[in-house]
Structure formats: C-alpha cells, structure tokens
Amino acid sequence: MVVEFLTFPVPRELRDQWMAVEQQTWSRFLARQTGFVDKQLWVEREAPDEVHAVIRWSDEASWKAIPGDELAAVDKAMGHFRGNAQLRVYDVLAEVLP
C-alpha cells in the first residue's frame, strides 16, 4: 500500500467552500479509480490554514496509471480553489486493524 499525502493552503474562512468543491471534484473522481482505497482530509490544530489530504492506494502502479489529461481536467474543475499542493509519498510498512 502507498499513501499520497498532500498539503493544501486553504484559509480557514474558506475551508467549507473549498471542501464542497473538493468533494464534488477530487473525492468523487478518486472514488472511481482502480486501486483507490480511501481518503481522509485533516487539519492540524496549530496550522488551521492548511488541509492535508491522506489518500491510500492499493499500489503505486494503479495511482500512476491515471491519465494525466484526466487529472488536469479534475484539477481545472477546482476553479479558483486550485492550488499548489505539497506532495509526500509514504509506503505502509504495517497496519493494525481492530
């Protein structure tokens, strides 16, 4: 499993609007992709003007197989909320389930 960890600058006063657009674009798109496991959106208490997207993929090949033109179209659909995210990638070494 691989984790895509994105950090977006989102002013807290625009967060609800950003979340609504994000849910209609990226979240909806990702949910239909092969290899997509799940996604969470986090806000750090000490940095409320940033939103972290934690996206889990079954494997990196599935994630990277999404055509670039489709990614660009979804990104464009974010409109004025489109922003430069910082990307980090993590490999899952172990998982503890209930």
PDB file of N, CA and C in Angstrom:
ATOM      1  N   MET A   1       0.847  -1.174   0.000  1.00  0.00           N
ATOM      2  CA  MET A   1       0.000   0.000   0.000  1.00  0.00           C
ATOM      3  C   MET A   1       0.891   1.236   0.000  1.00  0.00           C
ATOM      4  N   VAL A   2       0.415   2.279  -0.686  1.00  0.00           N
ATOM      5  CA  VAL A   2       1.146   3.533  -0.757  1.00  0.00           C
ATOM      6  C   VAL A   2       0.201   4.662  -0.345  1.00  0.00           C
ATOM      7  N   VAL A   3       0.755   5.675   0.324  1.00  0.00           N
ATOM      8  CA  VAL A   3      -0.042   6.805   0.801  1.00  0.00           C
ATOM      9  C   VAL A   3       0.443   8.069   0.100  1.00  0.00           C
ATOM     10  N   GLU A   4      -0.502   8.749  -0.521  1.00  0.00           N
ATOM     11  CA  GLU A   4      -0.268  10.055  -1.140  1.00  0.00           C
ATOM     12  C   GLU A   4      -0.687  11.084  -0.084  1.00  0.00           C
ATOM     13  N   PHE A   5       0.246  11.925   0.340  1.00  0.00           N
ATOM     14  CA  PHE A   5      -0.006  12.900   1.398  1.00  0.00           C
ATOM     15  C   PHE A   5       0.172  14.292   0.807  1.00  0.00           C
ATOM     16  N   LEU A   6      -0.938  15.010   0.643  1.00  0.00           N
ATOM     17  CA  LEU A   6      -0.918  16.347   0.030  1.00  0.00           C
ATOM     18  C   LEU A   6      -1.270  17.402   1.059  1.00  0.00           C
ATOM     19  N   THR A   7      -0.577  18.533   1.003  1.00  0.00           N
ATOM     20  CA  THR A   7      -0.884  19.657   1.877  1.00  0.00           C
ATOM     21  C   THR A   7      -1.275  20.852   1.020  1.00  0.00           C
ATOM     22  N   PHE A   8      -2.496  21.355   1.263  1.00  0.00           N
ATOM     23  CA  PHE A   8      -3.042  22.481   0.501  1.00  0.00           C
ATOM     24  C   PHE A   8      -3.148  23.717   1.390  1.00  0.00           C
ATOM     25  N   PRO A   9      -2.766  24.872   0.872  1.00  0.00           N
ATOM     26  CA  PRO A   9      -3.038  26.107   1.617  1.00  0.00           C
ATOM     27  C   PRO A   9      -4.510  26.476   1.430  1.00  0.00           C
ATOM     28  N   VAL A  10      -5.269  26.459   2.523  1.00  0.00           N
ATOM     29  CA  VAL A  10      -6.701  26.784   2.480  1.00  0.00           C
ATOM     30  C   VAL A  10      -7.009  27.667   3.690  1.00  0.00           C
ATOM     31  N   PRO A  11      -7.239  28.958   3.464  1.00  0.00           N
ATOM     32  CA  PRO A  11      -7.588  29.815   4.600  1.00  0.00           C
ATOM     33  C   PRO A  11      -8.822  29.271   5.321  1.00  0.00           C
ATOM     34  N   ARG A  12      -8.773  29.251   6.632  1.00  0.00           N
ATOM     35  CA  ARG A  12      -9.850  28.625   7.417  1.00  0.00           C
ATOM     36  C   ARG A  12     -11.220  29.214   7.105  1.00  0.00           C
ATOM     37  N   GLU A  13     -11.281  30.511   6.752  1.00  0.00           N
ATOM     38  CA  GLU A  13     -12.582  31.112   6.453  1.00  0.00           C
ATOM     39  C   GLU A  13     -13.152  30.634   5.119  1.00  0.00           C
ATOM     40  N   LEU A  14     -12.328  29.996   4.285  1.00  0.00           N
ATOM     41  CA  LEU A  14     -12.782  29.442   3.009  1.00  0.00           C
ATOM     42  C   LEU A  14     -12.876  27.915   3.026  1.00  0.00           C
ATOM     43  N   ARG A  15     -12.573  27.325   4.157  1.00  0.00           N
ATOM     44  CA  ARG A  15     -12.487  25.857   4.227  1.00  0.00           C
ATOM     45  C   ARG A  15     -13.785  25.164   3.832  1.00  0.00           C
ATOM     46  N   ASP A  16     -14.929  25.626   4.308  1.00  0.00           N
ATOM     47  CA  ASP A  16     -16.203  24.970   3.975  1.00  0.00           C
ATOM     48  C   ASP A  16     -16.467  25.020   2.470  1.00  0.00           C
ATOM     49  N   GLN A  17     -16.191  26.170   1.861  1.00  0.00           N
ATOM     50  CA  GLN A  17     -16.380  26.301   0.418  1.00  0.00           C
ATOM     51  C   GLN A  17     -15.409  25.388  -0.331  1.00  0.00           C
ATOM     52  N   TRP A  18     -14.154  25.383   0.106  1.00  0.00           N
ATOM     53  CA  TRP A  18     -13.136  24.537  -0.521  1.00  0.00           C
ATOM     54  C   TRP A  18     -13.543  23.064  -0.425  1.00  0.00           C
ATOM     55  N   MET A  19     -14.019  22.668   0.765  1.00  0.00           N
ATOM     56  CA  MET A  19     -14.416  21.273   0.984  1.00  0.00           C
ATOM     57  C   MET A  19     -15.561  20.877   0.057  1.00  0.00           C
ATOM     58  N   ALA A  20     -16.522  21.755  -0.140  1.00  0.00           N
ATOM     59  CA  ALA A  20     -17.652  21.447  -1.013  1.00  0.00           C
ATOM     60  C   ALA A  20     -17.181  21.216  -2.448  1.00  0.00           C
ATOM     61  N   VAL A  21     -16.304  22.076  -2.928  1.00  0.00           N
ATOM     62  CA  VAL A  21     -15.781  21.917  -4.294  1.00  0.00           C
ATOM     63  C   VAL A  21     -14.911  20.664  -4.374  1.00  0.00           C
ATOM     64  N   GLU A  22     -14.096  20.438  -3.379  1.00  0.00           N
ATOM     65  CA  GLU A  22     -13.205  19.266  -3.358  1.00  0.00           C
ATOM     66  C   GLU A  22     -14.014  17.973  -3.387  1.00  0.00           C
ATOM     67  N   GLN A  23     -15.087  17.915  -2.617  1.00  0.00           N
ATOM     68  CA  GLN A  23     -15.910  16.704  -2.579  1.00  0.00           C
ATOM     69  C   GLN A  23     -16.560  16.425  -3.934  1.00  0.00           C
ATOM     70  N   GLN A  24     -16.952  17.468  -4.645  1.00  0.00           N
ATOM     71  CA  GLN A  24     -17.591  17.309  -5.950  1.00  0.00           C
ATOM     72  C   GLN A  24     -16.590  16.989  -7.068  1.00  0.00           C
ATOM     73  N   THR A  25     -15.337  17.300  -6.852  1.00  0.00           N
ATOM     74  CA  THR A  25     -14.340  17.087  -7.907  1.00  0.00           C
ATOM     75  C   THR A  25     -13.418  15.930  -7.554  1.00  0.00           C
ATOM     76  N   TRP A  26     -12.401  16.209  -6.746  1.00  0.00           N
ATOM     77  CA  TRP A  26     -11.376  15.200  -6.481  1.00  0.00           C
ATOM     78  C   TRP A  26     -11.911  13.961  -5.784  1.00  0.00           C
ATOM     79  N   SER A  27     -12.666  14.131  -4.727  1.00  0.00           N
ATOM     80  CA  SER A  27     -13.137  12.946  -3.987  1.00  0.00           C
ATOM     81  C   SER A  27     -14.004  12.054  -4.857  1.00  0.00           C
ATOM     82  N   ARG A  28     -14.905  12.663  -5.601  1.00  0.00           N
ATOM     83  CA  ARG A  28     -15.778  11.883  -6.498  1.00  0.00           C
ATOM     84  C   ARG A  28     -14.944  11.162  -7.568  1.00  0.00           C
ATOM     85  N   PHE A  29     -13.977  11.862  -8.142  1.00  0.00           N
ATOM     86  CA  PHE A  29     -13.112  11.278  -9.172  1.00  0.00           C
ATOM     87  C   PHE A  29     -12.281  10.122  -8.604  1.00  0.00           C
ATOM     88  N   LEU A  30     -11.648  10.353  -7.469  1.00  0.00           N
ATOM     89  CA  LEU A  30     -10.779   9.326  -6.888  1.00  0.00           C
ATOM     90  C   LEU A  30     -11.545   8.061  -6.524  1.00  0.00           C
ATOM     91  N   ALA A  31     -12.755   8.216  -6.035  1.00  0.00           N
ATOM     92  CA  ALA A  31     -13.552   7.060  -5.622  1.00  0.00           C
ATOM     93  C   ALA A  31     -13.818   6.092  -6.765  1.00  0.00           C
ATOM     94  N   ARG A  32     -13.729   6.559  -7.998  1.00  0.00           N
ATOM     95  CA  ARG A  32     -13.975   5.704  -9.167  1.00  0.00           C
ATOM     96  C   ARG A  32     -12.694   5.073  -9.724  1.00  0.00           C
ATOM     97  N   GLN A  33     -11.553   5.356  -9.130  1.00  0.00           N
ATOM     98  CA  GLN A  33     -10.295   4.877  -9.691  1.00  0.00           C
ATOM     99  C   GLN A  33      -9.901   3.490  -9.173  1.00  0.00           C
ATOM    100  N   THR A  34      -9.362   2.694 -10.078  1.00  0.00           N
ATOM    101  CA  THR A  34      -8.822   1.382  -9.707  1.00  0.00           C
ATOM    102  C   THR A  34      -7.677   1.582  -8.729  1.00  0.00           C
ATOM    103  N   GLY A  35      -7.673   0.820  -7.666  1.00  0.00           N
ATOM    104  CA  GLY A  35      -6.590   0.882  -6.690  1.00  0.00           C
ATOM    105  C   GLY A  35      -6.805   1.882  -5.571  1.00  0.00           C
ATOM    106  N   PHE A  36      -7.821   2.726  -5.689  1.00  0.00           N
ATOM    107  CA  PHE A  36      -8.119   3.686  -4.623  1.00  0.00           C
ATOM    108  C   PHE A  36      -8.664   2.930  -3.415  1.00  0.00           C
ATOM    109  N   VAL A  37      -8.114   3.196  -2.239  1.00  0.00           N
ATOM    110  CA  VAL A  37      -8.568   2.535  -1.009  1.00  0.00           C
ATOM    111  C   VAL A  37      -9.455   3.478  -0.210  1.00  0.00           C
ATOM    112  N   ASP A  38      -8.925   4.630   0.183  1.00  0.00           N
ATOM    113  CA  ASP A  38      -9.710   5.606   0.921  1.00  0.00           C
ATOM    114  C   ASP A  38      -8.976   6.935   0.981  1.00  0.00           C
ATOM    115  N   LYS A  39      -9.682   7.912   1.532  1.00  0.00           N
ATOM    116  CA  LYS A  39      -9.126   9.262   1.626  1.00  0.00           C
ATOM    117  C   LYS A  39      -9.652   9.923   2.886  1.00  0.00           C
ATOM    118  N   GLN A  40      -8.781  10.652   3.561  1.00  0.00           N
ATOM    119  CA  GLN A  40      -9.171  11.469   4.698  1.00  0.00           C
ATOM    120  C   GLN A  40      -8.626  12.877   4.486  1.00  0.00           C
ATOM    121  N   LEU A  41      -9.337  13.867   5.000  1.00  0.00           N
ATOM    122  CA  LEU A  41      -8.860  15.243   4.992  1.00  0.00           C
ATOM    123  C   LEU A  41      -8.617  15.650   6.434  1.00  0.00           C
ATOM    124  N   TRP A  42      -7.411  16.148   6.698  1.00  0.00           N
ATOM    125  CA  TRP A  42      -7.002  16.507   8.057  1.00  0.00           C
ATOM    126  C   TRP A  42      -6.677  17.991   8.144  1.00  0.00           C
ATOM    127  N   VAL A  43      -6.881  18.558   9.331  1.00  0.00           N
ATOM    128  CA  VAL A  43      -6.415  19.905   9.642  1.00  0.00           C
ATOM    129  C   VAL A  43      -5.620  19.822  10.938  1.00  0.00           C
ATOM    130  N   GLU A  44      -4.425  20.338  10.887  1.00  0.00           N
ATOM    131  CA  GLU A  44      -3.577  20.382  12.083  1.00  0.00           C
ATOM    132  C   GLU A  44      -4.043  21.545  12.960  1.00  0.00           C
ATOM    133  N   ARG A  45      -4.194  21.311  14.230  1.00  0.00           N
ATOM    134  CA  ARG A  45      -4.706  22.349  15.132  1.00  0.00           C
ATOM    135  C   ARG A  45      -3.817  23.593  15.150  1.00  0.00           C
ATOM    136  N   GLU A  46      -2.517  23.405  15.028  1.00  0.00           N
ATOM    137  CA  GLU A  46      -1.590  24.537  15.066  1.00  0.00           C
ATOM    138  C   GLU A  46      -1.412  25.191  13.698  1.00  0.00           C
ATOM    139  N   ALA A  47      -2.011  24.639  12.657  1.00  0.00           N
ATOM    140  CA  ALA A  47      -1.908  25.207  11.306  1.00  0.00           C
ATOM    141  C   ALA A  47      -3.281  25.121  10.627  1.00  0.00           C
ATOM    142  N   PRO A  48      -4.259  25.897  11.110  1.00  0.00           N
ATOM    143  CA  PRO A  48      -5.630  25.758  10.601  1.00  0.00           C
ATOM    144  C   PRO A  48      -5.833  26.264   9.177  1.00  0.00           C
ATOM    145  N   ASP A  49      -4.833  26.873   8.583  1.00  0.00           N
ATOM    146  CA  ASP A  49      -4.946  27.363   7.211  1.00  0.00           C
ATOM    147  C   ASP A  49      -4.329  26.399   6.196  1.00  0.00           C
ATOM    148  N   GLU A  50      -4.178  25.166   6.609  1.00  0.00           N
ATOM    149  CA  GLU A  50      -3.705  24.110   5.712  1.00  0.00           C
ATOM    150  C   GLU A  50      -4.622  22.904   5.850  1.00  0.00           C
ATOM    151  N   VAL A  51      -4.864  22.243   4.729  1.00  0.00           N
ATOM    152  CA  VAL A  51      -5.637  21.000   4.739  1.00  0.00           C
ATOM    153  C   VAL A  51      -4.735  19.910   4.181  1.00  0.00           C
ATOM    154  N   HIS A  52      -4.692  18.788   4.879  1.00  0.00           N
ATOM    155  CA  HIS A  52      -3.887  17.644   4.452  1.00  0.00           C
ATOM    156  C   HIS A  52      -4.824  16.567   3.900  1.00  0.00           C
ATOM    157  N   ALA A  53      -4.566  16.130   2.700  1.00  0.00           N
ATOM    158  CA  ALA A  53      -5.310  15.025   2.097  1.00  0.00           C
ATOM    159  C   ALA A  53      -4.446  13.775   2.210  1.00  0.00           C
ATOM    160  N   VAL A  54      -4.972  12.763   2.856  1.00  0.00           N
ATOM    161  CA  VAL A  54      -4.276  11.492   3.045  1.00  0.00           C
ATOM    162  C   VAL A  54      -5.026  10.459   2.209  1.00  0.00           C
ATOM    163  N   ILE A  55      -4.391  10.041   1.115  1.00  0.00           N
ATOM    164  CA  ILE A  55      -5.047   9.168   0.145  1.00  0.00           C
ATOM    165  C   ILE A  55      -4.288   7.849   0.094  1.00  0.00           C
ATOM    166  N   ARG A  56      -5.000   6.759   0.346  1.00  0.00           N
ATOM    167  CA  ARG A  56      -4.363   5.444   0.322  1.00  0.00           C
ATOM    168  C   ARG A  56      -4.705   4.727  -0.972  1.00  0.00           C
ATOM    169  N   TRP A  57      -3.670   4.156  -1.568  1.00  0.00           N
ATOM    170  CA  TRP A  57      -3.782   3.384  -2.806  1.00  0.00           C
ATOM    171  C   TRP A  57      -3.319   1.967  -2.549  1.00  0.00           C
ATOM    172  N   SER A  58      -3.948   0.999  -3.203  1.00  0.00           N
ATOM    173  CA  SER A  58      -3.544  -0.400  -3.032  1.00  0.00           C
ATOM    174  C   SER A  58      -2.113  -0.615  -3.540  1.00  0.00           C
ATOM    175  N   ASP A  59      -1.746   0.151  -4.584  1.00  0.00           N
ATOM    176  CA  ASP A  59      -0.397   0.043  -5.135  1.00  0.00           C
ATOM    177  C   ASP A  59      -0.095   1.303  -5.945  1.00  0.00           C
ATOM    178  N   GLU A  60       1.159   1.611  -6.091  1.00  0.00           N
ATOM    179  CA  GLU A  60       1.564   2.826  -6.797  1.00  0.00           C
ATOM    180  C   GLU A  60       1.261   2.757  -8.286  1.00  0.00           C
ATOM    181  N   ALA A  61       1.325   1.578  -8.866  1.00  0.00           N
ATOM    182  CA  ALA A  61       1.054   1.435 -10.300  1.00  0.00           C
ATOM    183  C   ALA A  61      -0.367   1.887 -10.641  1.00  0.00           C
ATOM    184  N   SER A  62      -1.338   1.541  -9.808  1.00  0.00           N
ATOM    185  CA  SER A  62      -2.719   1.972 -10.050  1.00  0.00           C
ATOM    186  C   SER A  62      -2.835   3.485  -9.973  1.00  0.00           C
ATOM    187  N   TRP A  63      -2.239   4.066  -8.972  1.00  0.00           N
ATOM    188  CA  TRP A  63      -2.262   5.518  -8.790  1.00  0.00           C
ATOM    189  C   TRP A  63      -1.647   6.213 -10.005  1.00  0.00           C
ATOM    190  N   LYS A  64      -0.481   5.752 -10.418  1.00  0.00           N
ATOM    191  CA  LYS A  64       0.251   6.397 -11.512  1.00  0.00           C
ATOM    192  C   LYS A  64      -0.355   6.098 -12.888  1.00  0.00           C
ATOM    193  N   ALA A  65      -1.268   5.134 -12.970  1.00  0.00           N
ATOM    194  CA  ALA A  65      -1.885   4.777 -14.255  1.00  0.00           C
ATOM    195  C   ALA A  65      -3.017   5.731 -14.652  1.00  0.00           C
ATOM    196  N   ILE A  66      -3.410   6.618 -13.756  1.00  0.00           N
ATOM    197  CA  ILE A  66      -4.480   7.572 -14.089  1.00  0.00           C
ATOM    198  C   ILE A  66      -3.943   8.531 -15.143  1.00  0.00           C
ATOM    199  N   PRO A  67      -4.630   8.659 -16.274  1.00  0.00           N
ATOM    200  CA  PRO A  67      -4.144   9.527 -17.349  1.00  0.00           C
ATOM    201  C   PRO A  67      -4.000  10.993 -16.915  1.00  0.00           C
ATOM    202  N   GLY A  68      -2.917  11.607 -17.324  1.00  0.00           N
ATOM    203  CA  GLY A  68      -2.626  12.986 -16.972  1.00  0.00           C
ATOM    204  C   GLY A  68      -3.696  13.963 -17.406  1.00  0.00           C
ATOM    205  N   ASP A  69      -4.311  13.723 -18.564  1.00  0.00           N
ATOM    206  CA  ASP A  69      -5.351  14.641 -19.024  1.00  0.00           C
ATOM    207  C   ASP A  69      -6.578  14.591 -18.116  1.00  0.00           C
ATOM    208  N   GLU A  70      -6.873  13.425 -17.546  1.00  0.00           N
ATOM    209  CA  GLU A  70      -7.994  13.317 -16.605  1.00  0.00           C
ATOM    210  C   GLU A  70      -7.676  14.059 -15.306  1.00  0.00           C
ATOM    211  N   LEU A  71      -6.444  13.920 -14.834  1.00  0.00           N
ATOM    212  CA  LEU A  71      -6.029  14.631 -13.629  1.00  0.00           C
ATOM    213  C   LEU A  71      -6.105  16.136 -13.842  1.00  0.00           C
ATOM    214  N   ALA A  72      -5.645  16.599 -15.001  1.00  0.00           N
ATOM    215  CA  ALA A  72      -5.668  18.031 -15.308  1.00  0.00           C
ATOM    216  C   ALA A  72      -7.099  18.563 -15.363  1.00  0.00           C
ATOM    217  N   ALA A  73      -8.007  17.776 -15.912  1.00  0.00           N
ATOM    218  CA  ALA A  73      -9.408  18.204 -16.013  1.00  0.00           C
ATOM    219  C   ALA A  73     -10.037  18.350 -14.626  1.00  0.00           C
ATOM    220  N   VAL A  74      -9.751  17.411 -13.737  1.00  0.00           N
ATOM    221  CA  VAL A  74     -10.304  17.486 -12.382  1.00  0.00           C
ATOM    222  C   VAL A  74      -9.691  18.668 -11.642  1.00  0.00           C
ATOM    223  N   ASP A  75      -8.393  18.861 -11.813  1.00  0.00           N
ATOM    224  CA  ASP A  75      -7.725  19.983 -11.171  1.00  0.00           C
ATOM    225  C   ASP A  75      -8.329  21.306 -11.655  1.00  0.00           C
ATOM    226  N   LYS A  76      -8.578  21.410 -12.940  1.00  0.00           N
ATOM    227  CA  LYS A  76      -9.176  22.622 -13.509  1.00  0.00           C
ATOM    228  C   LYS A  76     -10.571  22.858 -12.941  1.00  0.00           C
ATOM    229  N   ALA A  77     -11.300  21.779 -12.674  1.00  0.00           N
ATOM    230  CA  ALA A  77     -12.654  21.889 -12.129  1.00  0.00           C
ATOM    231  C   ALA A  77     -12.664  22.486 -10.713  1.00  0.00           C
ATOM    232  N   MET A  78     -11.526  22.507 -10.050  1.00  0.00           N
ATOM    233  CA  MET A  78     -11.437  23.139  -8.726  1.00  0.00           C
ATOM    234  C   MET A  78     -11.580  24.654  -8.827  1.00  0.00           C
ATOM    235  N   GLY A  79     -11.486  25.205 -10.041  1.00  0.00           N
ATOM    236  CA  GLY A  79     -11.670  26.639 -10.242  1.00  0.00           C
ATOM    237  C   GLY A  79     -10.682  27.465  -9.457  1.00  0.00           C
ATOM    238  N   HIS A  80     -11.177  28.504  -8.810  1.00  0.00           N
ATOM    239  CA  HIS A  80     -10.266  29.391  -8.075  1.00  0.00           C
ATOM    240  C   HIS A  80      -9.699  28.752  -6.806  1.00  0.00           C
ATOM    241  N   PHE A  81     -10.175  27.561  -6.453  1.00  0.00           N
ATOM    242  CA  PHE A  81      -9.608  26.839  -5.318  1.00  0.00           C
ATOM    243  C   PHE A  81      -8.428  25.962  -5.720  1.00  0.00           C
ATOM    244  N   ARG A  82      -8.133  25.952  -6.985  1.00  0.00           N
ATOM    245  CA  ARG A  82      -6.973  25.210  -7.477  1.00  0.00           C
ATOM    246  C   ARG A  82      -5.725  25.777  -6.809  1.00  0.00           C
ATOM    247  N   GLY A  83      -4.902  24.924  -6.299  1.00  0.00           N
ATOM    248  CA  GLY A  83      -3.706  25.418  -5.624  1.00  0.00           C
ATOM    249  C   GLY A  83      -2.565  24.447  -5.736  1.00  0.00           C
ATOM    250  N   ASN A  84      -1.422  24.952  -5.438  1.00  0.00           N
ATOM    251  CA  ASN A  84      -0.225  24.109  -5.465  1.00  0.00           C
ATOM    252  C   ASN A  84      -0.127  23.360  -4.146  1.00  0.00           C
ATOM    253  N   ALA A  85      -0.221  22.085  -4.230  1.00  0.00           N
ATOM    254  CA  ALA A  85      -0.112  21.246  -3.037  1.00  0.00           C
ATOM    255  C   ALA A  85       1.311  20.738  -2.900  1.00  0.00           C
ATOM    256  N   GLN A  86       1.717  20.564  -1.666  1.00  0.00           N
ATOM    257  CA  GLN A  86       2.981  19.887  -1.393  1.00  0.00           C
ATOM    258  C   GLN A  86       2.672  18.401  -1.336  1.00  0.00           C
ATOM    259  N   LEU A  87       3.477  17.602  -2.009  1.00  0.00           N
ATOM    260  CA  LEU A  87       3.258  16.153  -2.069  1.00  0.00           C
ATOM    261  C   LEU A  87       4.357  15.410  -1.327  1.00  0.00           C
ATOM    262  N   ARG A  88       3.919  14.451  -0.526  1.00  0.00           N
ATOM    263  CA  ARG A  88       4.824  13.468   0.086  1.00  0.00           C
ATOM    264  C   ARG A  88       4.220  12.098  -0.199  1.00  0.00           C
ATOM    265  N   VAL A  89       5.062  11.089  -0.337  1.00  0.00           N
ATOM    266  CA  VAL A  89       4.598   9.727  -0.600  1.00  0.00           C
ATOM    267  C   VAL A  89       5.183   8.814   0.472  1.00  0.00           C
ATOM    268  N   TYR A  90       4.331   7.967   1.017  1.00  0.00           N
ATOM    269  CA  TYR A  90       4.735   7.035   2.068  1.00  0.00           C
ATOM    270  C   TYR A  90       4.372   5.616   1.664  1.00  0.00           C
ATOM    271  N   ASP A  91       5.187   4.669   2.054  1.00  0.00           N
ATOM    272  CA  ASP A  91       4.883   3.254   1.906  1.00  0.00           C
ATOM    273  C   ASP A  91       4.421   2.742   3.256  1.00  0.00           C
ATOM    274  N   VAL A  92       3.348   1.970   3.273  1.00  0.00           N
ATOM    275  CA  VAL A  92       2.825   1.403   4.514  1.00  0.00           C
ATOM    276  C   VAL A  92       3.639   0.163   4.852  1.00  0.00           C
ATOM    277  N   LEU A  93       4.257   0.173   6.006  1.00  0.00           N
ATOM    278  CA  LEU A  93       5.065  -0.970   6.456  1.00  0.00           C
ATOM    279  C   LEU A  93       4.250  -1.965   7.263  1.00  0.00           C
ATOM    280  N   ALA A  94       3.287  -1.447   8.012  1.00  0.00           N
ATOM    281  CA  ALA A  94       2.449  -2.312   8.852  1.00  0.00           C
ATOM    282  C   ALA A  94       1.128  -1.612   9.094  1.00  0.00           C
ATOM    283  N   GLU A  95       0.106  -2.415   9.365  1.00  0.00           N
ATOM    284  CA  GLU A  95      -1.217  -1.872   9.616  1.00  0.00           C
ATOM    285  C   GLU A  95      -1.830  -2.666  10.767  1.00  0.00           C
ATOM    286  N   VAL A  96      -2.437  -1.975  11.709  1.00  0.00           N
ATOM    287  CA  VAL A  96      -3.099  -2.617  12.840  1.00  0.00           C
ATOM    288  C   VAL A  96      -4.592  -2.361  12.682  1.00  0.00           C
ATOM    289  N   LEU A  97      -5.351  -3.403  12.578  1.00  0.00           N
ATOM    290  CA  LEU A  97      -6.800  -3.306  12.410  1.00  0.00           C
ATOM    291  C   LEU A  97      -7.480  -3.875  13.639  1.00  0.00           C
ATOM    292  N   PRO A  98      -8.704  -3.404  13.957  1.00  0.00           N
ATOM    293  CA  PRO A  98      -9.403  -3.922  15.138  1.00  0.00           C
ATOM    294  C   PRO A  98      -9.769  -5.378  14.999  1.00  0.00           C
TER     295      PRO A  98
END
